[in-house]
């Protein structure tokens, strides 16, 4: 069975797979129903393995490469299937065919990248952008990795997948202050809650604007809200508000064909 996923038809050519998977199409049960791909969850490991195998098959790959995500700004080059422990990083890049690169999210922003330069070289990357990683430079690190391998901004496309929407994402004054201390223009992405020291933050637009600032010319944006769409997506914040003990993770994947 191939689980359902969202994609943008014009983002990649037909022989390059990309997909933003949700929570449907897997075998997990209970809190993790059904396509939980999170190795760090308390789900049945056999169920997680089967879910990840389904995603890998959808991508036309033997294995699904994901990272030990730490909300940092490190992008790693991956030239072969991952063996052993997952490295700590929040983005992964490859120019090798057959590797399905994935990032796990449950409200944070998944960003997939596709690059093709004038010499015909191709590369892909997947990045995980929570607010700390996005502000700290994870998207810029990924674009630098492309530059290090011969790709300019004009060669790179990016797709921002399902993540928590502004209406669902309440943050405290300390988060607002952290952003505006770095750049006062970021204030436009925060909507003040009346009579509360809190804001509604538009993290997807923040990522979109960062990519525009780096001169990417083709950026695709999903308007799906992982918090609000409980039947379609896992959400860490929704789980917290409900007092549930754990949560599943959805995966976003990109792969060069063999």
Protein backbone atom coordinates (compact mmCIF):
# COMPACT_ATOMS: atom_id res chain seq x y z
CA UNK A 1 0.00 0.00 0.00
CA UNK A 2 1.20 3.50 -0.88
CA UNK A 3 0.20 6.04 1.79
CA UNK A 4 -1.36 9.31 0.59
CA UNK A 5 0.82 12.40 0.44
CA UNK A 6 0.72 16.01 -0.68
CA UNK A 7 2.95 17.21 -3.49
CA UNK A 8 3.39 20.15 -5.85
CA UNK A 9 3.29 19.02 -9.51
CA UNK A 10 5.64 21.76 -10.75
CA UNK A 11 8.17 21.55 -7.91
CA UNK A 12 10.22 18.62 -9.24
CA UNK A 13 10.40 16.81 -12.57
CA UNK A 14 8.48 13.52 -12.78
CA UNK A 15 11.57 11.39 -12.11
CA UNK A 16 12.30 13.11 -8.79
CA UNK A 17 10.00 11.98 -5.99
CA UNK A 18 8.76 14.33 -3.33
CA UNK A 19 5.92 13.94 -0.86
CA UNK A 20 4.59 15.46 2.34
CA UNK A 21 3.05 12.50 4.15
CA UNK A 22 0.44 12.91 6.88
CA UNK A 23 -0.91 10.45 9.42
CA UNK A 24 -2.93 8.26 7.03
CA UNK A 25 -1.98 5.01 5.33
CA UNK A 26 -0.02 3.20 8.04
CA UNK A 27 -0.43 0.42 10.58
CA UNK A 28 0.03 2.15 13.95
CA UNK A 29 -2.87 2.34 16.38
CA UNK A 30 -4.09 4.50 19.26
CA UNK A 31 -2.34 7.84 19.66
CA UNK A 32 -0.11 6.97 16.69
CA UNK A 33 -2.83 6.13 14.17
CA UNK A 34 -1.73 5.41 11.56
CA UNK A 35 1.41 6.45 9.60
CA UNK A 36 3.69 7.32 12.52
CA UNK A 37 7.28 7.42 11.21
CA UNK A 38 8.92 8.71 14.38
CA UNK A 39 11.71 6.48 15.69
CA UNK A 40 11.74 8.55 18.89
CA UNK A 41 8.10 7.89 19.75
CA UNK A 42 6.86 5.21 22.15
CA UNK A 43 4.97 3.46 19.37
CA UNK A 44 5.49 -0.23 18.59
CA UNK A 45 8.88 -0.33 16.76
CA UNK A 46 7.57 -2.91 14.30
CA UNK A 47 4.71 -0.61 13.34
CA UNK A 48 7.07 2.33 12.86
CA UNK A 49 9.36 0.16 10.72
CA UNK A 50 6.45 -0.91 8.50
CA UNK A 51 5.25 2.69 8.16
CA UNK A 52 8.71 3.86 7.14
CA UNK A 53 9.02 0.96 4.68
CA UNK A 54 5.76 2.06 3.03
CA UNK A 55 7.07 5.58 2.66
CA UNK A 56 10.38 4.33 1.22
CA UNK A 57 8.50 2.22 -1.34
CA UNK A 58 6.44 5.25 -2.33
CA UNK A 59 9.70 7.11 -2.96
CA UNK A 60 11.15 4.20 -4.97
CA UNK A 61 13.93 3.66 -2.44
CA UNK A 62 15.08 0.78 -0.24
CA UNK A 63 15.59 2.90 2.86
CA UNK A 64 14.36 6.13 4.36
CA UNK A 65 17.10 8.40 5.75
CA UNK A 66 16.07 10.56 8.71
CA UNK A 67 18.10 12.40 11.34
CA UNK A 68 18.21 12.85 15.09
CA UNK A 69 16.72 16.33 14.96
CA UNK A 70 17.85 18.82 17.59
CA UNK A 71 16.38 22.19 16.45
CA UNK A 72 19.82 23.30 15.30
CA UNK A 73 21.32 24.71 12.10
CA UNK A 74 23.44 21.81 10.81
CA UNK A 75 22.96 20.43 7.29
CA UNK A 76 24.73 17.16 6.52
CA UNK A 77 25.86 15.68 3.21
CA UNK A 78 24.66 12.10 2.72
CA UNK A 79 26.38 10.06 0.02
CA UNK A 80 25.30 6.54 0.95
CA UNK A 81 22.56 4.80 2.96
CA UNK A 82 22.76 5.57 6.66
CA UNK A 83 24.30 2.86 8.82
CA UNK A 84 24.25 2.88 12.60
CA UNK A 85 22.94 5.70 14.74
CA UNK A 86 21.21 8.70 13.24
CA UNK A 87 23.47 11.77 13.23
CA UNK A 88 22.33 14.91 15.06
CA UNK A 89 21.33 17.49 12.45
CA UNK A 90 18.24 19.19 11.08
CA UNK A 91 18.83 19.05 7.33
CA UNK A 92 20.27 16.50 4.95
CA UNK A 93 21.55 16.93 1.37
CA UNK A 94 22.49 14.48 -1.37
CA UNK A 95 23.46 14.45 -5.03
CA UNK A 96 23.30 10.65 -5.12
CA UNK A 97 20.31 8.86 -6.69
CA UNK A 98 18.22 6.34 -4.79
CA UNK A 99 18.46 7.93 -1.33
CA UNK A 100 15.12 8.95 0.17
CA UNK A 101 15.83 11.91 2.45
CA UNK A 102 13.23 12.68 5.11
CA UNK A 103 12.50 15.02 7.99
CA UNK A 104 10.03 14.31 10.78
CA UNK A 105 7.59 16.93 12.01
CA UNK A 106 4.60 17.36 14.29
CA UNK A 107 3.97 21.12 13.85
CA UNK A 108 7.45 22.30 12.80
CA UNK A 109 8.01 23.28 9.18
CA UNK A 110 9.33 20.69 6.69
CA UNK A 111 11.13 22.22 3.72
CA UNK A 112 12.18 20.17 0.69
CA UNK A 113 14.73 21.44 -1.84
CA UNK A 114 15.46 20.48 -5.44
CA UNK A 115 18.41 21.81 -7.40
CA UNK A 116 19.46 21.52 -11.04
CA UNK A 117 22.29 23.64 -12.41
CA UNK A 118 23.25 24.61 -15.96
CA UNK A 119 25.67 21.66 -16.17
CA UNK A 120 22.76 19.28 -15.56
CA UNK A 121 23.83 18.26 -12.06
CA UNK A 122 20.98 17.60 -9.67
CA UNK A 123 20.67 17.47 -5.89
CA UNK A 124 17.98 17.37 -3.23
CA UNK A 125 17.69 18.22 0.46
CA UNK A 126 15.20 18.06 3.32
CA UNK A 127 15.17 20.46 6.28
CA UNK A 128 13.35 20.57 9.61
CA UNK A 129 12.59 24.12 10.78
CA UNK A 130 11.16 24.74 14.21
CA UNK A 131 11.29 28.35 15.33
CA UNK A 132 14.72 27.93 16.93
CA UNK A 133 16.21 26.25 13.87
CA UNK A 134 14.58 28.64 11.44
CA UNK A 135 15.83 31.67 13.36
CA UNK A 136 19.21 30.01 13.92
CA UNK A 137 19.88 29.44 10.21
CA UNK A 138 18.91 25.91 9.18
CA UNK A 139 17.49 27.04 5.84
CA UNK A 140 20.54 29.19 5.13
CA UNK A 141 22.81 26.23 6.02
CA UNK A 142 20.97 24.07 3.50
CA UNK A 143 21.31 26.67 0.76
CA UNK A 144 25.05 26.97 1.56
CA UNK A 145 25.36 23.21 1.12
CA UNK A 146 23.89 23.58 -2.37
CA UNK A 147 26.32 26.43 -3.08
CA UNK A 148 29.24 24.27 -1.94
CA UNK A 149 28.21 21.71 -4.57
CA UNK A 150 27.84 24.13 -7.46
CA UNK A 151 24.25 25.36 -7.22
CA UNK A 152 23.29 29.03 -7.17
CA UNK A 153 19.99 30.42 -5.85
CA UNK A 154 18.61 30.47 -9.39
CA UNK A 155 19.16 26.69 -9.57
CA UNK A 156 17.20 25.84 -6.40
CA UNK A 157 13.51 25.33 -5.77
CA UNK A 158 11.94 24.91 -2.33
CA UNK A 159 8.64 23.53 -1.06
CA UNK A 160 7.28 24.36 2.39
CA UNK A 161 5.03 21.59 3.65
CA UNK A 162 2.21 21.26 6.18
CA UNK A 163 2.97 22.86 9.54
CA UNK A 164 1.20 24.64 12.33
CA UNK A 165 -0.76 27.66 11.11
CA UNK A 166 -0.66 31.15 12.57
CA UNK A 167 -4.17 30.86 14.04
CA UNK A 168 -3.05 27.78 16.00
CA UNK A 169 0.45 28.87 17.03
CA UNK A 170 0.40 30.93 20.21
CA UNK A 171 3.82 31.95 21.54
CA UNK A 172 4.92 34.00 24.52
CA UNK A 173 6.46 37.43 24.64
CA UNK A 174 9.90 35.88 25.07
CA UNK A 175 9.70 34.30 21.59
CA UNK A 176 8.53 37.58 20.07
CA UNK A 177 11.38 39.46 21.73
CA UNK A 178 13.93 36.88 20.54
CA UNK A 179 12.88 37.45 16.94
CA UNK A 180 12.66 41.24 16.96
CA UNK A 181 16.00 41.53 18.74
CA UNK A 182 17.53 39.86 15.71
CA UNK A 183 15.51 41.86 13.16
CA UNK A 184 12.76 44.37 13.90
CA UNK A 185 11.05 43.56 10.60
CA UNK A 186 10.12 40.12 11.95
CA UNK A 187 7.44 41.78 14.10
CA UNK A 188 5.06 41.76 11.13
CA UNK A 189 4.76 37.96 11.42
CA UNK A 190 3.39 38.15 14.97
CA UNK A 191 -0.21 39.07 15.75
CA UNK A 192 -0.67 40.35 19.32
CA UNK A 193 -3.38 38.69 21.42
CA UNK A 194 -5.46 41.38 23.11
CA UNK A 195 -5.07 41.51 26.92
CA UNK A 196 -2.45 38.74 26.84
CA UNK A 197 1.33 38.68 26.73
CA UNK A 198 1.21 36.33 23.79
CA UNK A 199 1.19 36.36 20.00
CA UNK A 200 0.08 34.24 17.05
CA UNK A 201 3.20 33.48 15.02
CA UNK A 202 3.23 32.78 11.28
CA UNK A 203 6.21 30.43 11.10
CA UNK A 204 5.54 29.27 7.54
CA UNK A 205 5.63 32.84 6.24
CA UNK A 206 8.83 33.38 8.23
CA UNK A 207 10.44 30.45 6.36
CA UNK A 208 9.03 31.68 3.05
CA UNK A 209 10.48 35.15 3.58
CA UNK A 210 13.88 33.72 4.51
CA UNK A 211 13.98 31.78 1.24
CA UNK A 212 12.96 34.86 -0.72
CA UNK A 213 15.72 36.82 1.00
CA UNK A 214 18.21 34.18 -0.16
CA UNK A 215 17.02 34.89 -3.73
CA UNK A 216 15.25 31.60 -4.43
CA UNK A 217 12.88 32.20 -7.32
CA UNK A 218 10.55 29.19 -7.06
CA UNK A 219 9.00 28.58 -3.64
CA UNK A 220 5.91 26.44 -3.04
CA UNK A 221 3.81 26.76 0.10
CA UNK A 222 1.28 24.42 1.73
CA UNK A 223 -1.55 26.07 3.64
CA UNK A 224 -2.38 22.95 5.69
CA UNK A 225 -2.45 23.47 9.48
CA UNK A 226 -1.15 20.41 11.36
CA UNK A 227 -2.73 21.51 14.64
CA UNK A 228 -6.21 22.18 13.24
CA UNK A 229 -6.39 19.17 10.90
CA UNK A 230 -6.37 16.39 13.49
CA UNK A 231 -7.52 13.64 11.12
CA UNK A 232 -4.77 14.39 8.64
CA UNK A 233 -1.67 15.32 10.68
CA UNK A 234 0.12 14.69 13.96
CA UNK A 235 0.63 17.72 16.19
CA UNK A 236 2.84 18.05 19.25
CA UNK A 237 0.96 21.12 20.45
CA UNK A 238 -2.44 19.46 20.06
CA UNK A 239 -1.19 16.46 22.01
CA UNK A 240 0.06 18.77 24.78
CA UNK A 241 -3.25 20.62 24.98
CA UNK A 242 -5.13 17.32 25.21
CA UNK A 243 -2.82 15.98 27.93
CA UNK A 244 -1.87 12.92 25.87
CA UNK A 245 1.29 11.05 26.82
CA UNK A 246 2.96 10.97 23.40
CA UNK A 247 2.46 11.84 19.73
CA UNK A 248 3.28 10.57 16.27
CA UNK A 249 5.46 12.20 13.64
CA UNK A 250 4.76 12.64 9.95
CA UNK A 251 7.53 12.55 7.39
CA UNK A 252 8.37 14.66 4.35
CA UNK A 253 10.55 13.01 1.71
CA UNK A 254 12.49 13.79 -1.46
CA UNK A 255 14.64 11.46 -3.59
CA UNK A 256 16.55 11.49 -6.86
CA UNK A 257 15.60 8.51 -9.00
CA UNK A 258 18.13 5.78 -9.66
